[in-house]
Each structure stands twice: as C-alpha cells, then as structure tokens.
PDB file of N, CA and C in Angstrom:
ATOM      1  N   UNK A   1     -73.350  57.864 171.121  1.00  0.00           N
ATOM      2  CA  UNK A   1     -72.733  56.602 170.762  1.00  0.00           C
ATOM      3  C   UNK A   1     -72.923  56.368 169.267  1.00  0.00           C
ATOM      4  N   UNK A   2     -71.853  56.132 168.562  1.00  0.00           N
ATOM      5  CA  UNK A   2     -71.901  55.938 167.117  1.00  0.00           C
ATOM      6  C   UNK A   2     -72.395  54.540 166.783  1.00  0.00           C
ATOM      7  N   UNK A   3     -73.202  54.463 165.729  1.00  0.00           N
ATOM      8  CA  UNK A   3     -73.705  53.161 165.287  1.00  0.00           C
ATOM      9  C   UNK A   3     -72.566  52.375 164.641  1.00  0.00           C
ATOM     10  N   UNK A   4     -72.525  51.091 164.944  1.00  0.00           N
ATOM     11  CA  UNK A   4     -71.478  50.231 164.384  1.00  0.00           C
ATOM     12  C   UNK A   4     -71.820  49.905 162.938  1.00  0.00           C
ATOM     13  N   UNK A   5     -70.859  50.113 162.051  1.00  0.00           N
ATOM     14  CA  UNK A   5     -71.038  49.832 160.630  1.00  0.00           C
ATOM     15  C   UNK A   5     -70.917  48.329 160.389  1.00  0.00           C
ATOM     16  N   UNK A   6     -71.941  47.730 159.794  1.00  0.00           N
ATOM     17  CA  UNK A   6     -71.899  46.308 159.480  1.00  0.00           C
ATOM     18  C   UNK A   6     -71.201  46.078 158.154  1.00  0.00           C
ATOM     19  N   UNK A   7     -70.357  45.075 158.111  1.00  0.00           N
ATOM     20  CA  UNK A   7     -69.693  44.723 156.861  1.00  0.00           C
ATOM     21  C   UNK A   7     -70.653  43.877 156.033  1.00  0.00           C
ATOM     22  N   UNK A   8     -70.732  44.150 154.766  1.00  0.00           N
ATOM     23  CA  UNK A   8     -71.573  43.362 153.875  1.00  0.00           C
ATOM     24  C   UNK A   8     -70.686  42.487 153.001  1.00  0.00           C
ATOM     25  N   UNK A   9     -71.257  41.345 152.598  1.00  0.00           N
ATOM     26  CA  UNK A   9     -70.535  40.385 151.763  1.00  0.00           C
ATOM     27  C   UNK A   9     -71.368  40.061 150.546  1.00  0.00           C
ATOM     28  N   UNK A  10     -70.703  39.838 149.444  1.00  0.00           N
ATOM     29  CA  UNK A  10     -71.399  39.419 148.235  1.00  0.00           C
ATOM     30  C   UNK A  10     -71.698  37.919 148.341  1.00  0.00           C
ATOM     31  N   UNK A  11     -72.623  37.447 147.510  1.00  0.00           N
ATOM     32  CA  UNK A  11     -72.932  36.026 147.475  1.00  0.00           C
ATOM     33  C   UNK A  11     -71.680  35.224 147.119  1.00  0.00           C
ATOM     34  N   UNK A  12     -70.911  35.716 146.179  1.00  0.00           N
ATOM     35  CA  UNK A  12     -69.686  35.038 145.774  1.00  0.00           C
ATOM     36  C   UNK A  12     -68.704  34.923 146.945  1.00  0.00           C
ATOM     37  N   UNK A  13     -68.567  35.980 147.731  1.00  0.00           N
ATOM     38  CA  UNK A  13     -67.681  35.940 148.892  1.00  0.00           C
ATOM     39  C   UNK A  13     -68.157  34.917 149.923  1.00  0.00           C
ATOM     40  N   UNK A  14     -69.473  34.850 150.114  1.00  0.00           N
ATOM     41  CA  UNK A  14     -70.030  33.891 151.071  1.00  0.00           C
ATOM     42  C   UNK A  14     -69.819  32.455 150.581  1.00  0.00           C
ATOM     43  N   UNK A  15     -69.999  32.230 149.281  1.00  0.00           N
ATOM     44  CA  UNK A  15     -69.748  30.903 148.737  1.00  0.00           C
ATOM     45  C   UNK A  15     -68.285  30.523 148.921  1.00  0.00           C
ATOM     46  N   UNK A  16     -67.385  31.471 148.618  1.00  0.00           N
ATOM     47  CA  UNK A  16     -65.952  31.211 148.782  1.00  0.00           C
ATOM     48  C   UNK A  16     -65.637  30.813 150.221  1.00  0.00           C
ATOM     49  N   UNK A  17     -66.225  31.518 151.176  1.00  0.00           N
ATOM     50  CA  UNK A  17     -65.927  31.293 152.584  1.00  0.00           C
ATOM     51  C   UNK A  17     -66.514  29.980 153.102  1.00  0.00           C
ATOM     52  N   UNK A  18     -67.779  29.711 152.760  1.00  0.00           N
ATOM     53  CA  UNK A  18     -68.464  28.579 153.371  1.00  0.00           C
ATOM     54  C   UNK A  18     -68.522  27.314 152.514  1.00  0.00           C
ATOM     55  N   UNK A  19     -68.316  27.436 151.204  1.00  0.00           N
ATOM     56  CA  UNK A  19     -68.401  26.268 150.331  1.00  0.00           C
ATOM     57  C   UNK A  19     -67.036  25.919 149.751  1.00  0.00           C
ATOM     58  N   UNK A  20     -66.307  26.934 149.352  1.00  0.00           N
ATOM     59  CA  UNK A  20     -64.985  26.729 148.765  1.00  0.00           C
ATOM     60  C   UNK A  20     -64.799  27.684 147.606  1.00  0.00           C
ATOM     61  N   UNK A  21     -63.581  27.981 147.304  1.00  0.00           N
ATOM     62  CA  UNK A  21     -63.271  28.901 146.217  1.00  0.00           C
ATOM     63  C   UNK A  21     -63.693  28.318 144.877  1.00  0.00           C
ATOM     64  N   UNK A  22     -63.990  29.203 143.949  1.00  0.00           N
ATOM     65  CA  UNK A  22     -64.345  28.783 142.604  1.00  0.00           C
ATOM     66  C   UNK A  22     -63.211  27.943 142.024  1.00  0.00           C
ATOM     67  N   UNK A  23     -63.589  26.811 141.426  1.00  0.00           N
ATOM     68  CA  UNK A  23     -62.595  25.910 140.857  1.00  0.00           C
ATOM     69  C   UNK A  23     -62.248  24.736 141.751  1.00  0.00           C
ATOM     70  N   UNK A  24     -62.607  24.811 143.039  1.00  0.00           N
ATOM     71  CA  UNK A  24     -62.347  23.682 143.931  1.00  0.00           C
ATOM     72  C   UNK A  24     -63.423  22.623 143.722  1.00  0.00           C
ATOM     73  N   UNK A  25     -63.110  21.389 144.094  1.00  0.00           N
ATOM     74  CA  UNK A  25     -64.066  20.298 143.928  1.00  0.00           C
ATOM     75  C   UNK A  25     -65.338  20.543 144.732  1.00  0.00           C
ATOM     76  N   UNK A  26     -65.197  21.080 145.943  1.00  0.00           N
ATOM     77  CA  UNK A  26     -66.366  21.354 146.783  1.00  0.00           C
ATOM     78  C   UNK A  26     -67.297  22.351 146.100  1.00  0.00           C
ATOM     79  N   UNK A  27     -66.728  23.382 145.522  1.00  0.00           N
ATOM     80  CA  UNK A  27     -67.528  24.407 144.850  1.00  0.00           C
ATOM     81  C   UNK A  27     -68.178  23.846 143.594  1.00  0.00           C
ATOM     82  N   UNK A  28     -67.436  23.051 142.826  1.00  0.00           N
ATOM     83  CA  UNK A  28     -67.979  22.439 141.616  1.00  0.00           C
ATOM     84  C   UNK A  28     -69.145  21.510 141.959  1.00  0.00           C
ATOM     85  N   UNK A  29     -68.990  20.716 143.023  1.00  0.00           N
ATOM     86  CA  UNK A  29     -70.063  19.820 143.468  1.00  0.00           C
ATOM     87  C   UNK A  29     -71.299  20.619 143.870  1.00  0.00           C
ATOM     88  N   UNK A  30     -71.099  21.700 144.600  1.00  0.00           N
ATOM     89  CA  UNK A  30     -72.204  22.569 145.029  1.00  0.00           C
ATOM     90  C   UNK A  30     -72.931  23.160 143.820  1.00  0.00           C
ATOM     91  N   UNK A  31     -72.181  23.710 142.882  1.00  0.00           N
ATOM     92  CA  UNK A  31     -72.783  24.333 141.693  1.00  0.00           C
ATOM     93  C   UNK A  31     -73.552  23.300 140.869  1.00  0.00           C
ATOM     94  N   UNK A  32     -73.002  22.090 140.751  1.00  0.00           N
ATOM     95  CA  UNK A  32     -73.679  21.027 140.009  1.00  0.00           C
ATOM     96  C   UNK A  32     -75.004  20.670 140.681  1.00  0.00           C
ATOM     97  N   UNK A  33     -74.982  20.457 141.981  1.00  0.00           N
ATOM     98  CA  UNK A  33     -76.206  20.121 142.721  1.00  0.00           C
ATOM     99  C   UNK A  33     -77.245  21.222 142.577  1.00  0.00           C
ATOM    100  N   UNK A  34     -76.802  22.468 142.624  1.00  0.00           N
ATOM    101  CA  UNK A  34     -77.713  23.594 142.480  1.00  0.00           C
ATOM    102  C   UNK A  34     -78.366  23.594 141.096  1.00  0.00           C
ATOM    103  N   UNK A  35     -77.587  23.347 140.052  1.00  0.00           N
ATOM    104  CA  UNK A  35     -78.143  23.296 138.694  1.00  0.00           C
ATOM    105  C   UNK A  35     -79.138  22.154 138.547  1.00  0.00           C
ATOM    106  N   UNK A  36     -78.837  21.017 139.140  1.00  0.00           N
ATOM    107  CA  UNK A  36     -79.738  19.872 139.057  1.00  0.00           C
ATOM    108  C   UNK A  36     -81.036  20.130 139.810  1.00  0.00           C
ATOM    109  N   UNK A  37     -80.946  20.850 140.930  1.00  0.00           N
ATOM    110  CA  UNK A  37     -82.151  21.199 141.675  1.00  0.00           C
ATOM    111  C   UNK A  37     -83.021  22.162 140.860  1.00  0.00           C
ATOM    112  N   UNK A  38     -82.391  23.128 140.226  1.00  0.00           N
ATOM    113  CA  UNK A  38     -83.126  24.082 139.385  1.00  0.00           C
ATOM    114  C   UNK A  38     -83.770  23.352 138.210  1.00  0.00           C
ATOM    115  N   UNK A  39     -83.054  22.431 137.596  1.00  0.00           N
ATOM    116  CA  UNK A  39     -83.604  21.656 136.487  1.00  0.00           C
ATOM    117  C   UNK A  39     -84.826  20.865 136.940  1.00  0.00           C
ATOM    118  N   UNK A  40     -84.749  20.257 138.109  1.00  0.00           N
ATOM    119  CA  UNK A  40     -85.882  19.526 138.656  1.00  0.00           C
ATOM    120  C   UNK A  40     -87.091  20.424 138.862  1.00  0.00           C
ATOM    121  N   UNK A  41     -86.851  21.622 139.371  1.00  0.00           N
ATOM    122  CA  UNK A  41     -87.944  22.582 139.584  1.00  0.00           C
ATOM    123  C   UNK A  41     -88.553  23.025 138.250  1.00  0.00           C
ATOM    124  N   UNK A  42     -87.717  23.143 137.224  1.00  0.00           N
ATOM    125  CA  UNK A  42     -88.217  23.511 135.897  1.00  0.00           C
ATOM    126  C   UNK A  42     -89.108  22.407 135.331  1.00  0.00           C
ATOM    127  N   UNK A  43     -88.711  21.173 135.531  1.00  0.00           N
ATOM    128  CA  UNK A  43     -89.515  20.043 135.067  1.00  0.00           C
ATOM    129  C   UNK A  43     -90.870  20.048 135.772  1.00  0.00           C
ATOM    130  N   UNK A  44     -90.846  20.253 137.079  1.00  0.00           N
ATOM    131  CA  UNK A  44     -92.094  20.280 137.848  1.00  0.00           C
ATOM    132  C   UNK A  44     -93.002  21.411 137.374  1.00  0.00           C
ATOM    133  N   UNK A  45     -92.430  22.595 137.178  1.00  0.00           N
ATOM    134  CA  UNK A  45     -93.225  23.742 136.731  1.00  0.00           C
ATOM    135  C   UNK A  45     -93.841  23.480 135.354  1.00  0.00           C
ATOM    136  N   UNK A  46     -93.063  22.885 134.446  1.00  0.00           N
ATOM    137  CA  UNK A  46     -93.575  22.585 133.103  1.00  0.00           C
ATOM    138  C   UNK A  46     -94.677  21.526 133.175  1.00  0.00           C
ATOM    139  N   UNK A  47     -94.493  20.526 134.035  1.00  0.00           N
ATOM    140  CA  UNK A  47     -95.517  19.483 134.195  1.00  0.00           C
ATOM    141  C   UNK A  47     -96.815  20.091 134.723  1.00  0.00           C
ATOM    142  N   UNK A  48     -96.701  20.955 135.711  1.00  0.00           N
ATOM    143  CA  UNK A  48     -97.891  21.591 136.281  1.00  0.00           C
ATOM    144  C   UNK A  48     -98.559  22.522 135.265  1.00  0.00           C
ATOM    145  N   UNK A  49     -97.758  23.196 134.464  1.00  0.00           N
ATOM    146  CA  UNK A  49     -98.300  24.066 133.408  1.00  0.00           C
ATOM    147  C   UNK A  49     -99.122  23.250 132.422  1.00  0.00           C
ATOM    148  N   UNK A  50     -98.676  22.034 132.142  1.00  0.00           N
ATOM    149  CA  UNK A  50     -99.390  21.131 131.229  1.00  0.00           C
ATOM    150  C   UNK A  50    -100.524  20.375 131.932  1.00  0.00           C
ATOM    151  N   UNK A  51    -100.687  20.648 133.223  1.00  0.00           N
ATOM    152  CA  UNK A  51    -101.746  20.034 134.035  1.00  0.00           C
ATOM    153  C   UNK A  51    -101.680  18.505 133.998  1.00  0.00           C
ATOM    154  N   UNK A  52    -100.460  18.007 134.185  1.00  0.00           N
ATOM    155  CA  UNK A  52    -100.228  16.565 134.233  1.00  0.00           C
ATOM    156  C   UNK A  52     -99.835  16.161 135.645  1.00  0.00           C
ATOM    157  N   UNK A  53    -100.254  14.974 136.041  1.00  0.00           N
ATOM    158  CA  UNK A  53     -99.767  14.414 137.302  1.00  0.00           C
ATOM    159  C   UNK A  53     -98.410  13.781 137.036  1.00  0.00           C
ATOM    160  N   UNK A  54     -97.702  13.478 138.106  1.00  0.00           N
ATOM    161  CA  UNK A  54     -96.428  12.784 137.946  1.00  0.00           C
ATOM    162  C   UNK A  54     -96.647  11.426 137.282  1.00  0.00           C
ATOM    163  N   UNK A  55     -97.731  10.776 137.636  1.00  0.00           N
ATOM    164  CA  UNK A  55     -98.042   9.470 137.048  1.00  0.00           C
ATOM    165  C   UNK A  55     -98.293   9.592 135.544  1.00  0.00           C
ATOM    166  N   UNK A  56     -99.040  10.613 135.139  1.00  0.00           N
ATOM    167  CA  UNK A  56     -99.324  10.806 133.711  1.00  0.00           C
ATOM    168  C   UNK A  56     -98.046  11.102 132.933  1.00  0.00           C
ATOM    169  N   UNK A  57     -97.200  11.956 133.496  1.00  0.00           N
ATOM    170  CA  UNK A  57     -95.934  12.261 132.824  1.00  0.00           C
ATOM    171  C   UNK A  57     -95.068  11.012 132.740  1.00  0.00           C
ATOM    172  N   UNK A  58     -95.038  10.237 133.802  1.00  0.00           N
ATOM    173  CA  UNK A  58     -94.282   8.986 133.791  1.00  0.00           C
ATOM    174  C   UNK A  58     -94.741   8.057 132.689  1.00  0.00           C
ATOM    175  N   UNK A  59     -96.060   7.968 132.491  1.00  0.00           N
ATOM    176  CA  UNK A  59     -96.596   7.123 131.421  1.00  0.00           C
ATOM    177  C   UNK A  59     -96.154   7.622 130.050  1.00  0.00           C
ATOM    178  N   UNK A  60     -96.139   8.944 129.860  1.00  0.00           N
ATOM    179  CA  UNK A  60     -95.709   9.514 128.574  1.00  0.00           C
ATOM    180  C   UNK A  60     -94.230   9.231 128.302  1.00  0.00           C
ATOM    181  N   UNK A  61     -93.436   9.225 129.358  1.00  0.00           N
ATOM    182  CA  UNK A  61     -91.993   9.046 129.220  1.00  0.00           C
ATOM    183  C   UNK A  61     -91.606   7.569 129.238  1.00  0.00           C
ATOM    184  N   UNK A  62     -92.440   6.745 129.886  1.00  0.00           N
ATOM    185  CA  UNK A  62     -92.120   5.330 130.007  1.00  0.00           C
ATOM    186  C   UNK A  62     -91.387   4.988 131.282  1.00  0.00           C
ATOM    187  N   UNK A  63     -91.635   5.792 132.335  1.00  0.00           N
ATOM    188  CA  UNK A  63     -91.027   5.529 133.635  1.00  0.00           C
ATOM    189  C   UNK A  63     -92.119   5.554 134.705  1.00  0.00           C
ATOM    190  N   UNK A  64     -91.772   5.120 135.894  1.00  0.00           N
ATOM    191  CA  UNK A  64     -92.718   5.106 137.003  1.00  0.00           C
ATOM    192  C   UNK A  64     -92.855   6.504 137.616  1.00  0.00           C
ATOM    193  N   UNK A  65     -93.975   6.712 138.310  1.00  0.00           N
ATOM    194  CA  UNK A  65     -94.254   7.979 138.994  1.00  0.00           C
ATOM    195  C   UNK A  65     -93.113   8.332 139.952  1.00  0.00           C
ATOM    196  N   UNK A  66     -92.568   7.333 140.641  1.00  0.00           N
ATOM    197  CA  UNK A  66     -91.497   7.565 141.607  1.00  0.00           C
ATOM    198  C   UNK A  66     -90.275   8.200 140.956  1.00  0.00           C
ATOM    199  N   UNK A  67     -89.983   7.811 139.705  1.00  0.00           N
ATOM    200  CA  UNK A  67     -88.826   8.391 139.022  1.00  0.00           C
ATOM    201  C   UNK A  67     -89.079   9.858 138.679  1.00  0.00           C
ATOM    202  N   UNK A  68     -90.316  10.190 138.307  1.00  0.00           N
ATOM    203  CA  UNK A  68     -90.649  11.588 138.033  1.00  0.00           C
ATOM    204  C   UNK A  68     -90.529  12.402 139.317  1.00  0.00           C
ATOM    205  N   UNK A  69     -91.018  11.862 140.419  1.00  0.00           N
ATOM    206  CA  UNK A  69     -90.916  12.535 141.711  1.00  0.00           C
ATOM    207  C   UNK A  69     -89.459  12.794 142.075  1.00  0.00           C
ATOM    208  N   UNK A  70     -88.622  11.785 141.900  1.00  0.00           N
ATOM    209  CA  UNK A  70     -87.195  11.898 142.184  1.00  0.00           C
ATOM    210  C   UNK A  70     -86.544  12.938 141.276  1.00  0.00           C
ATOM    211  N   UNK A  71     -86.925  12.919 140.029  1.00  0.00           N
ATOM    212  CA  UNK A  71     -86.391  13.854 139.047  1.00  0.00           C
ATOM    213  C   UNK A  71     -86.748  15.290 139.415  1.00  0.00           C
ATOM    214  N   UNK A  72     -87.984  15.505 139.854  1.00  0.00           N
ATOM    215  CA  UNK A  72     -88.420  16.856 140.216  1.00  0.00           C
ATOM    216  C   UNK A  72     -87.739  17.370 141.485  1.00  0.00           C
ATOM    217  N   UNK A  73     -87.353  16.473 142.385  1.00  0.00           N
ATOM    218  CA  UNK A  73     -86.694  16.925 143.606  1.00  0.00           C
ATOM    219  C   UNK A  73     -85.214  17.199 143.376  1.00  0.00           C
ATOM    220  N   UNK A  74     -84.611  16.502 142.428  1.00  0.00           N
ATOM    221  CA  UNK A  74     -83.233  16.744 142.031  1.00  0.00           C
ATOM    222  C   UNK A  74     -82.944  15.889 140.813  1.00  0.00           C
ATOM    223  N   UNK A  75     -82.599  16.536 139.727  1.00  0.00           N
ATOM    224  CA  UNK A  75     -82.428  15.837 138.455  1.00  0.00           C
ATOM    225  C   UNK A  75     -81.099  15.094 138.350  1.00  0.00           C
ATOM    226  N   UNK A  76     -80.287  15.099 139.403  1.00  0.00           N
ATOM    227  CA  UNK A  76     -78.956  14.495 139.279  1.00  0.00           C
ATOM    228  C   UNK A  76     -78.968  12.980 139.165  1.00  0.00           C
ATOM    229  N   UNK A  77     -80.104  12.350 139.402  1.00  0.00           N
ATOM    230  CA  UNK A  77     -80.150  10.890 139.290  1.00  0.00           C
ATOM    231  C   UNK A  77     -80.609  10.431 137.908  1.00  0.00           C
ATOM    232  N   UNK A  78     -80.929  11.354 137.035  1.00  0.00           N
ATOM    233  CA  UNK A  78     -81.468  11.013 135.719  1.00  0.00           C
ATOM    234  C   UNK A  78     -80.396  11.095 134.639  1.00  0.00           C
ATOM    235  N   UNK A  79     -80.606  10.310 133.601  1.00  0.00           N
ATOM    236  CA  UNK A  79     -79.714  10.400 132.448  1.00  0.00           C
ATOM    237  C   UNK A  79     -80.178  11.556 131.558  1.00  0.00           C
ATOM    238  N   UNK A  80     -79.294  12.024 130.715  1.00  0.00           N
ATOM    239  CA  UNK A  80     -79.651  13.076 129.755  1.00  0.00           C
ATOM    240  C   UNK A  80     -80.799  12.590 128.874  1.00  0.00           C
ATOM    241  N   UNK A  81     -80.752  11.317 128.492  1.00  0.00           N
ATOM    242  CA  UNK A  81     -81.799  10.742 127.657  1.00  0.00           C
ATOM    243  C   UNK A  81     -83.171  10.872 128.326  1.00  0.00           C
ATOM    244  N   UNK A  82     -83.238  10.546 129.614  1.00  0.00           N
ATOM    245  CA  UNK A  82     -84.506  10.653 130.340  1.00  0.00           C
ATOM    246  C   UNK A  82     -84.961  12.107 130.424  1.00  0.00           C
ATOM    247  N   UNK A  83     -84.048  13.004 130.707  1.00  0.00           N
ATOM    248  CA  UNK A  83     -84.398  14.424 130.796  1.00  0.00           C
ATOM    249  C   UNK A  83     -84.938  14.926 129.461  1.00  0.00           C
ATOM    250  N   UNK A  84     -84.295  14.531 128.366  1.00  0.00           N
ATOM    251  CA  UNK A  84     -84.777  14.941 127.040  1.00  0.00           C
ATOM    252  C   UNK A  84     -86.160  14.356 126.757  1.00  0.00           C
ATOM    253  N   UNK A  85     -86.386  13.095 127.139  1.00  0.00           N
ATOM    254  CA  UNK A  85     -87.707  12.478 126.955  1.00  0.00           C
ATOM    255  C   UNK A  85     -88.775  13.219 127.746  1.00  0.00           C
ATOM    256  N   UNK A  86     -88.435  13.632 128.959  1.00  0.00           N
ATOM    257  CA  UNK A  86     -89.393  14.360 129.800  1.00  0.00           C
ATOM    258  C   UNK A  86     -89.785  15.668 129.126  1.00  0.00           C
ATOM    259  N   UNK A  87     -88.807  16.431 128.672  1.00  0.00           N
ATOM    260  CA  UNK A  87     -89.120  17.708 128.036  1.00  0.00           C
ATOM    261  C   UNK A  87     -89.877  17.510 126.719  1.00  0.00           C
ATOM    262  N   UNK A  88     -89.549  16.450 125.997  1.00  0.00           N
ATOM    263  CA  UNK A  88     -90.286  16.154 124.768  1.00  0.00           C
ATOM    264  C   UNK A  88     -91.738  15.823 125.094  1.00  0.00           C
ATOM    265  N   UNK A  89     -91.969  15.011 126.126  1.00  0.00           N
ATOM    266  CA  UNK A  89     -93.327  14.663 126.537  1.00  0.00           C
ATOM    267  C   UNK A  89     -94.102  15.900 126.994  1.00  0.00           C
ATOM    268  N   UNK A  90     -93.384  16.855 127.570  1.00  0.00           N
ATOM    269  CA  UNK A  90     -94.020  18.096 128.026  1.00  0.00           C
ATOM    270  C   UNK A  90     -94.184  19.109 126.895  1.00  0.00           C
ATOM    271  N   UNK A  91     -93.710  18.734 125.707  1.00  0.00           N
ATOM    272  CA  UNK A  91     -93.705  19.653 124.557  1.00  0.00           C
ATOM    273  C   UNK A  91     -93.028  20.971 124.939  1.00  0.00           C
ATOM    274  N   UNK A  92     -91.898  20.821 125.621  1.00  0.00           N
ATOM    275  CA  UNK A  92     -91.123  21.974 126.076  1.00  0.00           C
ATOM    276  C   UNK A  92     -89.760  21.952 125.406  1.00  0.00           C
ATOM    277  N   UNK A  93     -89.292  23.106 125.043  1.00  0.00           N
ATOM    278  CA  UNK A  93     -87.987  23.228 124.400  1.00  0.00           C
ATOM    279  C   UNK A  93     -86.919  23.351 125.470  1.00  0.00           C
ATOM    280  N   UNK A  94     -85.827  22.670 125.265  1.00  0.00           N
ATOM    281  CA  UNK A  94     -84.689  22.765 126.183  1.00  0.00           C
ATOM    282  C   UNK A  94     -83.465  23.092 125.348  1.00  0.00           C
ATOM    283  N   UNK A  95     -82.649  23.988 125.856  1.00  0.00           N
ATOM    284  CA  UNK A  95     -81.443  24.414 125.144  1.00  0.00           C
ATOM    285  C   UNK A  95     -80.219  24.127 125.990  1.00  0.00           C
ATOM    286  N   UNK A  96     -79.180  23.614 125.360  1.00  0.00           N
ATOM    287  CA  UNK A  96     -77.916  23.372 126.029  1.00  0.00           C
ATOM    288  C   UNK A  96     -76.866  24.277 125.407  1.00  0.00           C
ATOM    289  N   UNK A  97     -76.036  24.847 126.261  1.00  0.00           N
ATOM    290  CA  UNK A  97     -74.913  25.638 125.795  1.00  0.00           C
ATOM    291  C   UNK A  97     -73.640  25.011 126.329  1.00  0.00           C
ATOM    292  N   UNK A  98     -72.650  24.900 125.474  1.00  0.00           N
ATOM    293  CA  UNK A  98     -71.351  24.401 125.885  1.00  0.00           C
ATOM    294  C   UNK A  98     -70.375  25.553 125.752  1.00  0.00           C
ATOM    295  N   UNK A  99     -69.650  25.821 126.846  1.00  0.00           N
ATOM    296  CA  UNK A  99     -68.713  26.933 126.860  1.00  0.00           C
ATOM    297  C   UNK A  99     -67.327  26.385 127.181  1.00  0.00           C
ATOM    298  N   UNK A 100     -66.367  26.677 126.327  1.00  0.00           N
ATOM    299  CA  UNK A 100     -64.987  26.256 126.548  1.00  0.00           C
ATOM    300  C   UNK A 100     -64.122  27.507 126.578  1.00  0.00           C
ATOM    301  N   UNK A 101     -63.454  27.685 127.710  1.00  0.00           N
ATOM    302  CA  UNK A 101     -62.572  28.845 127.884  1.00  0.00           C
ATOM    303  C   UNK A 101     -63.257  30.139 127.469  1.00  0.00           C
ATOM    304  N   UNK A 102     -64.424  30.386 128.031  1.00  0.00           N
ATOM    305  CA  UNK A 102     -65.210  31.606 127.817  1.00  0.00           C
ATOM    306  C   UNK A 102     -65.737  31.785 126.409  1.00  0.00           C
ATOM    307  N   UNK A 103     -65.731  30.733 125.604  1.00  0.00           N
ATOM    308  CA  UNK A 103     -66.277  30.780 124.248  1.00  0.00           C
ATOM    309  C   UNK A 103     -67.346  29.719 124.108  1.00  0.00           C
ATOM    310  N   UNK A 104     -68.541  30.111 123.641  1.00  0.00           N
ATOM    311  CA  UNK A 104     -69.594  29.138 123.421  1.00  0.00           C
ATOM    312  C   UNK A 104     -69.286  28.317 122.176  1.00  0.00           C
ATOM    313  N   UNK A 105     -69.463  27.013 122.253  1.00  0.00           N
ATOM    314  CA  UNK A 105     -69.260  26.123 121.129  1.00  0.00           C
ATOM    315  C   UNK A 105     -70.492  26.227 120.242  1.00  0.00           C
ATOM    316  N   UNK A 106     -70.266  26.468 118.959  1.00  0.00           N
ATOM    317  CA  UNK A 106     -71.374  26.577 118.008  1.00  0.00           C
ATOM    318  C   UNK A 106     -71.476  25.279 117.202  1.00  0.00           C
ATOM    319  N   UNK A 107     -72.681  24.813 117.053  1.00  0.00           N
ATOM    320  CA  UNK A 107     -72.894  23.616 116.232  1.00  0.00           C
ATOM    321  C   UNK A 107     -73.038  24.015 114.790  1.00  0.00           C
ATOM    322  N   UNK A 108     -72.409  23.269 113.932  1.00  0.00           N
ATOM    323  CA  UNK A 108     -72.466  23.586 112.497  1.00  0.00           C
ATOM    324  C   UNK A 108     -73.762  23.109 111.887  1.00  0.00           C
TER     325      UNK A 108
END
C-alpha cells in the first residue's frame, strides 16, 4: 500500500485561505493586530531587561500601571506619543520606516 502524499501549504497560502487575500480589509486588520501584539511584546521585553515593574515604567511615562499592562498585551490602544515616551523611558531606540510603492521614504 502506497503512502498518501500530504499537500503542504505556505504560511502565505494559509493566511489567504483563512484570513483573506493580501490587500483585503480582513488581511490588513489581521496584519495590524499582529504588529501591535509584537510591539507590545517588545515593550515588555525591554521593560524586563531594564528590571522595571509595570508600575515603575508607568511612573516614568506618566501613566498608570494598568495602561502599561494594556500596552504590553497589545499596543493598539496607545497613541504614538505614548509609545515613544515608553521607549524613551526605557532608554531604548525605536526606528520607523515608511514605505510607499516599494520605496522607503528617506528623511532629509
């Protein structure tokens, strides 16, 4: 009896099938949420590296511990200003890249 060959799928194919094709609103929403979750995890990792509690980081930034907790679980509820303040308080560098039609925008 011959073994049945399993079909394999790429991550992109699975996203297309279960979330939506690239460029659709569903896919854009998914990608945004994923980036915000990763950003939250980066904030948490940087805070732990600096050996700060959420409360201590909140005091440095001027927000409550609950907001830091929320930010670490998903950064989508925070303003850019708050995110920049958090990274500044952590003495961590953050870089933003803007890409338009496959070209990165360069600041003069």
